[in-house]
């Protein structure tokens, strides 16, 4: 049985994962939401203007009222710089499973930050909320995301061909991963 506690602060060696605030729009816009390289393999296009980022973050802040909402801003501990986001994008109460989605600003790619954040979130979801399975997926054209998943102990389950519509309207193949609570070594 899941015991929802919502988005609680999480800390790793180099990161603090925290709730978004209405004042985060500027950093989010500058660091990732308006970057076409960051959104290339995601479901949304670059925001184009800060007003769009403000609207989305304002909604996220309101959503924290729901205890089954899990959505963190990723900040670098030393500088307090907001560099990305990680959230639960799907929950099944019946199967006690969660699906995670994430993105991070290009300046922080290939430095282990997303692996660190994903590992902390998986640990929280298993140990504090009681999920049995955590899942994630990525477009097959974005193998870097899959490497993050593998480093966090998720296993490659397979590829579903022509599974999802990309942010450009193209139907793309998706690679799926999962980890069971009994397998996780966080």
N, C-alpha and C. Protein backbone atom coordinates (compact mmCIF):
# COMPACT_ATOMS: atom_id res chain seq x y z
N UNK A 1 0.83 -1.19 0.00
CA UNK A 1 0.00 0.00 0.00
C UNK A 1 0.88 1.25 0.00
N UNK A 2 0.53 2.18 -0.84
CA UNK A 2 1.29 3.42 -0.94
C UNK A 2 0.88 4.39 0.16
N UNK A 3 1.86 5.07 0.72
CA UNK A 3 1.61 6.10 1.72
C UNK A 3 2.18 7.40 1.15
N UNK A 4 1.32 8.17 0.49
CA UNK A 4 1.78 9.37 -0.20
C UNK A 4 2.18 10.46 0.79
N UNK A 5 3.34 11.04 0.53
CA UNK A 5 3.87 12.12 1.36
C UNK A 5 4.19 13.36 0.54
N UNK A 6 4.00 13.29 -0.77
CA UNK A 6 4.26 14.43 -1.63
C UNK A 6 5.74 14.71 -1.82
N UNK A 7 6.01 15.84 -2.42
CA UNK A 7 7.37 16.25 -2.76
C UNK A 7 8.07 16.77 -1.51
N UNK A 8 8.95 15.96 -0.97
CA UNK A 8 9.74 16.34 0.20
C UNK A 8 11.16 16.66 -0.24
N UNK A 9 11.86 17.53 0.48
CA UNK A 9 13.24 17.85 0.11
C UNK A 9 14.13 16.60 0.18
N UNK A 10 14.99 16.45 -0.80
CA UNK A 10 15.95 15.34 -0.84
C UNK A 10 17.34 15.94 -1.03
N UNK A 11 18.32 15.34 -0.41
CA UNK A 11 19.68 15.86 -0.51
C UNK A 11 20.63 14.73 -0.90
N UNK A 12 21.52 15.02 -1.82
CA UNK A 12 22.57 14.09 -2.22
C UNK A 12 23.91 14.75 -1.93
N UNK A 13 24.97 14.14 -2.37
CA UNK A 13 26.30 14.70 -2.15
C UNK A 13 26.42 16.11 -2.74
N UNK A 14 25.89 16.31 -3.96
CA UNK A 14 26.08 17.60 -4.64
C UNK A 14 24.79 18.36 -4.90
N UNK A 15 23.64 17.76 -4.60
CA UNK A 15 22.36 18.34 -5.01
C UNK A 15 21.39 18.48 -3.86
N UNK A 16 20.48 19.43 -4.03
CA UNK A 16 19.28 19.51 -3.21
C UNK A 16 18.10 19.46 -4.17
N UNK A 17 17.23 18.50 -3.95
CA UNK A 17 15.99 18.40 -4.72
C UNK A 17 14.90 19.00 -3.86
N UNK A 18 14.17 19.96 -4.41
CA UNK A 18 13.20 20.71 -3.62
C UNK A 18 11.99 21.05 -4.47
N UNK A 19 10.95 21.52 -3.77
CA UNK A 19 9.77 21.99 -4.47
C UNK A 19 10.11 23.25 -5.28
N UNK A 20 9.44 23.39 -6.40
CA UNK A 20 9.56 24.63 -7.16
C UNK A 20 8.83 25.75 -6.42
N UNK A 21 9.28 26.98 -6.63
CA UNK A 21 8.59 28.16 -6.12
C UNK A 21 8.27 29.05 -7.31
N UNK A 22 7.34 29.97 -7.12
CA UNK A 22 6.96 30.88 -8.21
C UNK A 22 8.14 31.71 -8.69
N UNK A 23 9.14 31.92 -7.85
CA UNK A 23 10.32 32.69 -8.24
C UNK A 23 11.33 31.92 -9.08
N UNK A 24 11.05 30.66 -9.40
CA UNK A 24 12.01 29.83 -10.13
C UNK A 24 11.92 29.97 -11.66
N UNK A 25 10.94 30.69 -12.16
CA UNK A 25 10.72 30.73 -13.61
C UNK A 25 11.93 31.25 -14.37
N UNK A 26 12.56 32.30 -13.87
CA UNK A 26 13.69 32.90 -14.59
C UNK A 26 14.84 31.90 -14.75
N UNK A 27 15.21 31.23 -13.67
CA UNK A 27 16.30 30.25 -13.73
C UNK A 27 15.92 29.07 -14.63
N UNK A 28 14.68 28.59 -14.50
CA UNK A 28 14.25 27.47 -15.34
C UNK A 28 14.29 27.85 -16.82
N UNK A 29 13.80 29.03 -17.14
CA UNK A 29 13.79 29.50 -18.52
C UNK A 29 15.21 29.63 -19.06
N UNK A 30 16.08 30.22 -18.28
CA UNK A 30 17.46 30.43 -18.73
C UNK A 30 18.26 29.13 -18.79
N UNK A 31 17.97 28.18 -17.91
CA UNK A 31 18.81 26.99 -17.80
C UNK A 31 18.31 25.78 -18.59
N UNK A 32 16.98 25.68 -18.86
CA UNK A 32 16.56 24.52 -19.64
C UNK A 32 15.25 24.66 -20.40
N UNK A 33 14.26 25.36 -19.93
CA UNK A 33 12.95 25.30 -20.59
C UNK A 33 12.90 25.98 -21.95
N UNK A 34 13.87 26.83 -22.25
CA UNK A 34 13.89 27.48 -23.55
C UNK A 34 15.01 26.95 -24.45
N UNK A 35 15.59 25.84 -24.09
CA UNK A 35 16.71 25.28 -24.84
C UNK A 35 16.23 24.14 -25.74
N UNK A 36 16.33 24.32 -27.03
CA UNK A 36 15.86 23.31 -27.99
C UNK A 36 16.66 22.02 -27.90
N UNK A 37 17.90 22.08 -27.44
CA UNK A 37 18.69 20.86 -27.26
C UNK A 37 18.17 20.05 -26.07
N UNK A 38 17.72 20.72 -25.03
CA UNK A 38 17.18 20.03 -23.86
C UNK A 38 15.84 19.38 -24.21
N UNK A 39 14.99 20.09 -24.91
CA UNK A 39 13.64 19.57 -25.19
C UNK A 39 13.58 18.69 -26.44
N UNK A 40 14.69 18.51 -27.11
CA UNK A 40 14.71 17.78 -28.39
C UNK A 40 14.00 16.43 -28.31
N UNK A 41 14.19 15.69 -27.24
CA UNK A 41 13.60 14.35 -27.12
C UNK A 41 12.48 14.29 -26.09
N UNK A 42 11.95 15.44 -25.73
CA UNK A 42 10.88 15.49 -24.73
C UNK A 42 9.53 15.72 -25.40
N UNK A 43 8.49 15.83 -24.60
CA UNK A 43 7.14 15.97 -25.15
C UNK A 43 6.75 17.42 -25.40
N UNK A 44 7.60 18.36 -25.00
CA UNK A 44 7.28 19.78 -25.14
C UNK A 44 8.38 20.51 -25.92
N UNK A 45 7.98 21.59 -26.54
CA UNK A 45 8.91 22.43 -27.29
C UNK A 45 9.51 23.49 -26.37
N UNK A 46 10.62 24.12 -26.76
CA UNK A 46 11.16 25.22 -25.96
C UNK A 46 10.07 26.26 -25.72
N UNK A 47 10.08 26.84 -24.55
CA UNK A 47 9.01 27.74 -24.15
C UNK A 47 8.92 29.02 -24.96
N UNK A 48 10.04 29.53 -25.43
CA UNK A 48 9.98 30.71 -26.29
C UNK A 48 9.86 32.03 -25.54
N UNK A 49 9.18 32.02 -24.42
CA UNK A 49 9.11 33.22 -23.58
C UNK A 49 8.91 32.80 -22.12
N UNK A 50 9.36 33.64 -21.25
CA UNK A 50 9.34 33.31 -19.82
C UNK A 50 7.92 33.19 -19.28
N UNK A 51 6.97 33.84 -19.91
CA UNK A 51 5.58 33.77 -19.45
C UNK A 51 5.07 32.33 -19.45
N UNK A 52 5.46 31.55 -20.45
CA UNK A 52 5.04 30.15 -20.50
C UNK A 52 5.63 29.37 -19.33
N UNK A 53 6.90 29.60 -19.04
CA UNK A 53 7.54 28.94 -17.91
C UNK A 53 6.86 29.35 -16.61
N UNK A 54 6.53 30.63 -16.47
CA UNK A 54 5.85 31.10 -15.25
C UNK A 54 4.51 30.41 -15.06
N UNK A 55 3.74 30.26 -16.11
CA UNK A 55 2.43 29.60 -16.02
C UNK A 55 2.59 28.16 -15.56
N UNK A 56 3.55 27.46 -16.15
CA UNK A 56 3.76 26.05 -15.80
C UNK A 56 4.22 25.91 -14.36
N UNK A 57 5.19 26.72 -13.95
CA UNK A 57 5.68 26.61 -12.57
C UNK A 57 4.60 27.03 -11.58
N UNK A 58 3.81 28.02 -11.89
CA UNK A 58 2.69 28.39 -11.01
C UNK A 58 1.74 27.21 -10.82
N UNK A 59 1.47 26.47 -11.88
CA UNK A 59 0.61 25.29 -11.79
C UNK A 59 1.26 24.22 -10.92
N UNK A 60 2.57 24.02 -11.14
CA UNK A 60 3.28 23.03 -10.32
C UNK A 60 3.21 23.38 -8.84
N UNK A 61 3.35 24.64 -8.51
CA UNK A 61 3.29 25.07 -7.11
C UNK A 61 1.91 24.75 -6.53
N UNK A 62 0.86 25.03 -7.28
CA UNK A 62 -0.50 24.70 -6.82
C UNK A 62 -0.68 23.19 -6.64
N UNK A 63 -0.07 22.41 -7.53
CA UNK A 63 -0.20 20.94 -7.48
C UNK A 63 0.42 20.33 -6.23
N UNK A 64 1.30 21.06 -5.54
CA UNK A 64 1.90 20.52 -4.32
C UNK A 64 0.86 20.30 -3.22
N UNK A 65 -0.33 20.83 -3.38
CA UNK A 65 -1.41 20.57 -2.41
C UNK A 65 -1.82 19.10 -2.43
N UNK A 66 -1.53 18.40 -3.51
CA UNK A 66 -1.87 16.98 -3.63
C UNK A 66 -0.73 16.12 -3.09
N UNK A 67 -1.04 15.23 -2.17
CA UNK A 67 0.02 14.42 -1.55
C UNK A 67 0.58 13.37 -2.50
N UNK A 68 -0.07 13.13 -3.63
CA UNK A 68 0.47 12.18 -4.59
C UNK A 68 1.19 12.89 -5.75
N UNK A 69 1.63 14.11 -5.49
CA UNK A 69 2.38 14.90 -6.46
C UNK A 69 3.86 14.87 -6.08
N UNK A 70 4.68 14.47 -7.03
CA UNK A 70 6.12 14.37 -6.81
C UNK A 70 6.84 15.09 -7.94
N UNK A 71 7.34 16.30 -7.66
CA UNK A 71 7.94 17.14 -8.69
C UNK A 71 9.01 18.02 -8.05
N UNK A 72 10.27 17.70 -8.35
CA UNK A 72 11.38 18.39 -7.73
C UNK A 72 12.12 19.30 -8.71
N UNK A 73 12.56 20.42 -8.21
CA UNK A 73 13.56 21.23 -8.88
C UNK A 73 14.92 20.72 -8.43
N UNK A 74 15.83 20.55 -9.37
CA UNK A 74 17.17 20.06 -9.06
C UNK A 74 18.09 21.26 -8.91
N UNK A 75 18.68 21.41 -7.73
CA UNK A 75 19.59 22.54 -7.50
C UNK A 75 20.97 22.01 -7.09
N UNK A 76 22.00 22.71 -7.56
CA UNK A 76 23.36 22.39 -7.16
C UNK A 76 23.56 22.95 -5.75
N UNK A 77 23.98 22.09 -4.86
CA UNK A 77 24.08 22.44 -3.44
C UNK A 77 24.98 23.66 -3.21
N UNK A 78 26.16 23.67 -3.80
CA UNK A 78 27.12 24.75 -3.55
C UNK A 78 26.64 26.11 -4.01
N UNK A 79 26.05 26.16 -5.19
CA UNK A 79 25.65 27.46 -5.77
C UNK A 79 24.16 27.77 -5.63
N UNK A 80 23.37 26.76 -5.25
CA UNK A 80 21.90 26.88 -5.19
C UNK A 80 21.29 27.16 -6.57
N UNK A 81 22.03 26.84 -7.62
CA UNK A 81 21.55 27.05 -8.98
C UNK A 81 20.54 25.98 -9.36
N UNK A 82 19.39 26.40 -9.85
CA UNK A 82 18.35 25.49 -10.33
C UNK A 82 18.75 25.03 -11.72
N UNK A 83 18.95 23.72 -11.90
CA UNK A 83 19.49 23.21 -13.17
C UNK A 83 18.57 22.27 -13.92
N UNK A 84 17.47 21.83 -13.30
CA UNK A 84 16.60 20.89 -13.99
C UNK A 84 15.41 20.48 -13.14
N UNK A 85 14.71 19.48 -13.65
CA UNK A 85 13.53 18.98 -12.93
C UNK A 85 13.47 17.47 -13.04
N UNK A 86 12.84 16.87 -12.05
CA UNK A 86 12.59 15.43 -12.05
C UNK A 86 11.25 15.21 -11.35
N UNK A 87 10.41 14.40 -11.95
CA UNK A 87 9.07 14.22 -11.39
C UNK A 87 8.50 12.84 -11.69
N UNK A 88 7.51 12.48 -10.91
CA UNK A 88 6.73 11.29 -11.19
C UNK A 88 5.65 11.72 -12.18
N UNK A 89 5.67 11.12 -13.35
CA UNK A 89 4.74 11.51 -14.41
C UNK A 89 3.59 10.53 -14.56
N UNK A 90 3.64 9.45 -13.80
CA UNK A 90 2.55 8.48 -13.83
C UNK A 90 2.59 7.60 -12.60
N UNK A 91 1.42 7.32 -12.05
CA UNK A 91 1.31 6.47 -10.86
C UNK A 91 0.21 5.45 -11.10
N UNK A 92 0.48 4.20 -10.73
CA UNK A 92 -0.56 3.18 -10.68
C UNK A 92 -0.66 2.71 -9.23
N UNK A 93 -1.77 3.05 -8.60
CA UNK A 93 -2.00 2.60 -7.22
C UNK A 93 -2.15 1.08 -7.20
N UNK A 94 -2.81 0.55 -8.23
CA UNK A 94 -3.09 -0.89 -8.30
C UNK A 94 -1.81 -1.72 -8.32
N UNK A 95 -0.83 -1.30 -9.14
CA UNK A 95 0.41 -2.06 -9.25
C UNK A 95 1.54 -1.46 -8.43
N UNK A 96 1.24 -0.39 -7.69
CA UNK A 96 2.23 0.31 -6.87
C UNK A 96 3.47 0.66 -7.68
N UNK A 97 3.22 1.24 -8.86
CA UNK A 97 4.33 1.61 -9.74
C UNK A 97 4.29 3.10 -10.06
N UNK A 98 5.49 3.63 -10.32
CA UNK A 98 5.64 5.04 -10.66
C UNK A 98 6.51 5.15 -11.90
N UNK A 99 6.19 6.11 -12.75
CA UNK A 99 7.03 6.42 -13.91
C UNK A 99 7.66 7.78 -13.69
N UNK A 100 8.95 7.88 -13.95
CA UNK A 100 9.69 9.11 -13.71
C UNK A 100 10.09 9.75 -15.04
N UNK A 101 10.02 11.09 -15.05
CA UNK A 101 10.53 11.87 -16.17
C UNK A 101 11.48 12.93 -15.65
N UNK A 102 12.44 13.32 -16.47
CA UNK A 102 13.43 14.30 -16.01
C UNK A 102 14.06 15.05 -17.17
N UNK A 103 14.62 16.20 -16.84
CA UNK A 103 15.44 16.95 -17.80
C UNK A 103 16.38 17.86 -17.01
N UNK A 104 17.47 18.21 -17.66
CA UNK A 104 18.49 19.01 -17.01
C UNK A 104 19.13 19.94 -18.04
N UNK A 105 19.53 21.10 -17.59
CA UNK A 105 20.16 22.06 -18.48
C UNK A 105 21.43 21.52 -19.11
N UNK A 106 21.67 21.92 -20.35
CA UNK A 106 22.81 21.43 -21.13
C UNK A 106 24.16 21.65 -20.43
N UNK A 107 24.29 22.75 -19.73
CA UNK A 107 25.55 23.06 -19.04
C UNK A 107 25.92 21.99 -18.02
N UNK A 108 24.95 21.22 -17.54
CA UNK A 108 25.18 20.23 -16.50
C UNK A 108 25.11 18.80 -17.02
N UNK A 109 25.05 18.62 -18.34
CA UNK A 109 25.07 17.28 -18.93
C UNK A 109 26.42 16.62 -18.68
N UNK A 110 26.40 15.30 -18.61
CA UNK A 110 27.61 14.47 -18.53
C UNK A 110 28.47 14.77 -17.31
N UNK A 111 27.83 15.16 -16.22
CA UNK A 111 28.56 15.43 -14.98
C UNK A 111 28.02 14.58 -13.82
N UNK A 112 27.09 13.66 -14.13
CA UNK A 112 26.55 12.77 -13.12
C UNK A 112 25.42 13.35 -12.28
N UNK A 113 25.02 14.59 -12.57
CA UNK A 113 23.96 15.20 -11.76
C UNK A 113 22.62 14.47 -11.89
N UNK A 114 22.24 14.11 -13.12
CA UNK A 114 20.94 13.46 -13.28
C UNK A 114 20.94 12.07 -12.67
N UNK A 115 22.04 11.35 -12.78
CA UNK A 115 22.13 10.04 -12.14
C UNK A 115 21.97 10.18 -10.64
N UNK A 116 22.60 11.18 -10.07
CA UNK A 116 22.50 11.45 -8.63
C UNK A 116 21.06 11.77 -8.23
N UNK A 117 20.41 12.61 -9.01
CA UNK A 117 19.03 13.00 -8.71
C UNK A 117 18.08 11.82 -8.86
N UNK A 118 18.21 11.08 -9.95
CA UNK A 118 17.33 9.93 -10.18
C UNK A 118 17.49 8.89 -9.08
N UNK A 119 18.72 8.61 -8.68
CA UNK A 119 18.94 7.64 -7.60
C UNK A 119 18.27 8.06 -6.30
N UNK A 120 18.34 9.35 -5.98
CA UNK A 120 17.71 9.84 -4.75
C UNK A 120 16.19 9.73 -4.82
N UNK A 121 15.61 10.04 -5.97
CA UNK A 121 14.16 9.97 -6.12
C UNK A 121 13.69 8.51 -6.05
N UNK A 122 14.39 7.62 -6.71
CA UNK A 122 14.01 6.20 -6.66
C UNK A 122 14.05 5.70 -5.22
N UNK A 123 15.11 6.02 -4.51
CA UNK A 123 15.23 5.60 -3.11
C UNK A 123 14.05 6.13 -2.29
N UNK A 124 13.71 7.39 -2.45
CA UNK A 124 12.58 7.99 -1.73
C UNK A 124 11.28 7.27 -2.07
N UNK A 125 11.04 7.03 -3.35
CA UNK A 125 9.79 6.38 -3.77
C UNK A 125 9.66 4.97 -3.22
N UNK A 126 10.76 4.23 -3.16
CA UNK A 126 10.73 2.88 -2.60
C UNK A 126 10.62 2.91 -1.07
N UNK A 127 11.50 3.66 -0.44
CA UNK A 127 11.62 3.58 1.03
C UNK A 127 10.56 4.39 1.77
N UNK A 128 10.16 5.51 1.24
CA UNK A 128 9.22 6.38 1.95
C UNK A 128 7.77 6.24 1.50
N UNK A 129 7.55 5.99 0.22
CA UNK A 129 6.19 5.94 -0.30
C UNK A 129 5.68 4.51 -0.44
N UNK A 130 6.57 3.58 -0.70
CA UNK A 130 6.18 2.18 -0.78
C UNK A 130 5.94 1.65 -2.17
N UNK A 131 6.43 2.35 -3.19
CA UNK A 131 6.28 1.83 -4.55
C UNK A 131 7.03 0.51 -4.67
N UNK A 132 6.53 -0.38 -5.51
CA UNK A 132 7.16 -1.67 -5.78
C UNK A 132 8.01 -1.64 -7.05
N UNK A 133 7.65 -0.75 -7.98
CA UNK A 133 8.34 -0.66 -9.26
C UNK A 133 8.47 0.80 -9.66
N UNK A 134 9.63 1.15 -10.19
CA UNK A 134 9.84 2.48 -10.78
C UNK A 134 10.22 2.27 -12.24
N UNK A 135 9.58 3.04 -13.10
CA UNK A 135 9.79 2.92 -14.54
C UNK A 135 10.24 4.26 -15.12
N UNK A 136 10.84 4.18 -16.29
CA UNK A 136 11.19 5.37 -17.05
C UNK A 136 11.34 4.96 -18.52
N UNK A 137 11.26 5.93 -19.40
CA UNK A 137 11.43 5.63 -20.82
C UNK A 137 12.08 6.82 -21.52
N UNK A 138 12.57 6.58 -22.71
CA UNK A 138 13.17 7.65 -23.50
C UNK A 138 13.06 7.31 -24.97
N UNK A 139 13.11 8.35 -25.80
CA UNK A 139 13.17 8.11 -27.23
C UNK A 139 14.46 7.35 -27.53
N UNK A 140 14.38 6.39 -28.42
CA UNK A 140 15.56 5.59 -28.72
C UNK A 140 16.70 6.43 -29.30
N UNK A 141 16.38 7.58 -29.86
CA UNK A 141 17.41 8.46 -30.41
C UNK A 141 18.16 9.23 -29.31
N UNK A 142 17.79 9.01 -28.05
CA UNK A 142 18.42 9.69 -26.92
C UNK A 142 19.04 8.67 -25.96
N UNK A 143 20.08 7.96 -26.39
CA UNK A 143 20.64 6.91 -25.54
C UNK A 143 21.27 7.43 -24.25
N UNK A 144 21.63 8.70 -24.18
CA UNK A 144 22.21 9.25 -22.95
C UNK A 144 21.24 9.12 -21.78
N UNK A 145 19.96 9.29 -22.05
CA UNK A 145 18.96 9.15 -21.00
C UNK A 145 18.91 7.70 -20.50
N UNK A 146 19.03 6.76 -21.42
CA UNK A 146 19.05 5.36 -21.03
C UNK A 146 20.25 5.01 -20.18
N UNK A 147 21.39 5.64 -20.45
CA UNK A 147 22.59 5.40 -19.64
C UNK A 147 22.37 5.83 -18.19
N UNK A 148 21.66 6.96 -18.01
CA UNK A 148 21.33 7.41 -16.66
C UNK A 148 20.49 6.35 -15.96
N UNK A 149 19.49 5.84 -16.66
CA UNK A 149 18.61 4.83 -16.08
C UNK A 149 19.39 3.58 -15.68
N UNK A 150 20.26 3.11 -16.57
CA UNK A 150 21.05 1.92 -16.28
C UNK A 150 21.96 2.14 -15.08
N UNK A 151 22.58 3.32 -14.98
CA UNK A 151 23.47 3.61 -13.84
C UNK A 151 22.71 3.59 -12.53
N UNK A 152 21.41 3.85 -12.58
CA UNK A 152 20.59 3.85 -11.35
C UNK A 152 19.95 2.49 -11.07
N UNK A 153 20.32 1.49 -11.84
CA UNK A 153 19.84 0.14 -11.57
C UNK A 153 18.60 -0.28 -12.33
N UNK A 154 18.06 0.59 -13.18
CA UNK A 154 16.93 0.18 -13.99
C UNK A 154 17.42 -0.79 -15.07
N UNK A 155 16.57 -1.72 -15.44
CA UNK A 155 16.91 -2.69 -16.48
C UNK A 155 16.13 -2.35 -17.74
N UNK A 156 16.81 -2.53 -18.86
CA UNK A 156 16.17 -2.27 -20.15
C UNK A 156 15.14 -3.37 -20.39
N UNK A 157 13.89 -2.97 -20.58
CA UNK A 157 12.80 -3.92 -20.77
C UNK A 157 12.56 -4.21 -22.25
N UNK A 158 12.78 -3.18 -23.08
CA UNK A 158 12.54 -3.36 -24.51
C UNK A 158 12.19 -2.05 -25.17
N UNK A 159 11.88 -2.16 -26.45
CA UNK A 159 11.54 -0.99 -27.27
C UNK A 159 10.15 -1.19 -27.86
N UNK A 160 9.34 -0.16 -27.75
CA UNK A 160 8.05 -0.16 -28.43
C UNK A 160 8.19 0.77 -29.64
N UNK A 161 8.00 0.18 -30.81
CA UNK A 161 8.19 0.92 -32.04
C UNK A 161 7.00 1.80 -32.36
N UNK A 162 7.31 3.01 -32.85
CA UNK A 162 6.26 3.97 -33.22
C UNK A 162 5.24 4.10 -32.10
N UNK A 163 5.73 4.37 -30.89
CA UNK A 163 4.90 4.34 -29.68
C UNK A 163 4.33 5.69 -29.28
N UNK A 164 5.09 6.75 -29.50
CA UNK A 164 4.69 8.04 -28.95
C UNK A 164 4.94 9.15 -29.96
N UNK A 165 4.12 10.19 -29.87
CA UNK A 165 4.32 11.35 -30.73
C UNK A 165 5.29 12.31 -30.06
N UNK A 166 6.32 12.69 -30.80
CA UNK A 166 7.33 13.61 -30.27
C UNK A 166 6.79 15.04 -30.29
N UNK A 167 7.58 15.96 -29.77
CA UNK A 167 7.15 17.36 -29.73
C UNK A 167 7.11 17.99 -31.12
N UNK A 168 7.65 17.29 -32.12
CA UNK A 168 7.58 17.78 -33.50
C UNK A 168 6.48 17.11 -34.30
N UNK A 169 5.75 16.19 -33.66
CA UNK A 169 4.65 15.50 -34.33
C UNK A 169 5.04 14.17 -34.96
N UNK A 170 6.32 13.83 -34.92
CA UNK A 170 6.80 12.56 -35.46
C UNK A 170 6.47 11.44 -34.47
N UNK A 171 6.08 10.29 -34.98
CA UNK A 171 5.83 9.14 -34.12
C UNK A 171 7.16 8.40 -33.96
N UNK A 172 7.58 8.23 -32.70
CA UNK A 172 8.93 7.74 -32.43
C UNK A 172 8.91 6.44 -31.61
N UNK A 173 10.03 5.73 -31.69
CA UNK A 173 10.24 4.53 -30.88
C UNK A 173 10.66 4.94 -29.47
N UNK A 174 10.21 4.18 -28.49
CA UNK A 174 10.54 4.46 -27.08
C UNK A 174 11.17 3.23 -26.44
N UNK A 175 12.25 3.46 -25.68
CA UNK A 175 12.90 2.40 -24.91
C UNK A 175 12.40 2.48 -23.47
N UNK A 176 12.05 1.33 -22.90
CA UNK A 176 11.47 1.28 -21.57
C UNK A 176 12.39 0.54 -20.60
N UNK A 177 12.40 1.06 -19.35
CA UNK A 177 13.26 0.54 -18.29
C UNK A 177 12.45 0.43 -17.01
N UNK A 178 12.89 -0.44 -16.10
CA UNK A 178 12.26 -0.51 -14.78
C UNK A 178 13.23 -1.09 -13.77
N UNK A 179 12.90 -0.83 -12.50
CA UNK A 179 13.63 -1.44 -11.40
C UNK A 179 12.59 -1.80 -10.33
N UNK A 180 12.74 -2.98 -9.76
CA UNK A 180 11.88 -3.43 -8.68
C UNK A 180 12.50 -3.05 -7.35
N UNK A 181 11.66 -2.84 -6.38
CA UNK A 181 12.15 -2.48 -5.04
C UNK A 181 13.15 -3.52 -4.53
N UNK A 182 12.87 -4.78 -4.80
CA UNK A 182 13.74 -5.85 -4.32
C UNK A 182 15.11 -5.86 -5.00
N UNK A 183 15.23 -5.19 -6.14
CA UNK A 183 16.50 -5.14 -6.90
C UNK A 183 17.32 -3.90 -6.59
N UNK A 184 16.66 -2.87 -6.08
CA UNK A 184 17.32 -1.57 -5.96
C UNK A 184 18.39 -1.58 -4.89
N UNK A 185 19.55 -1.07 -5.24
CA UNK A 185 20.69 -1.03 -4.31
C UNK A 185 21.11 0.40 -4.03
N UNK A 186 20.15 1.30 -3.86
CA UNK A 186 20.43 2.72 -3.66
C UNK A 186 21.03 3.01 -2.36
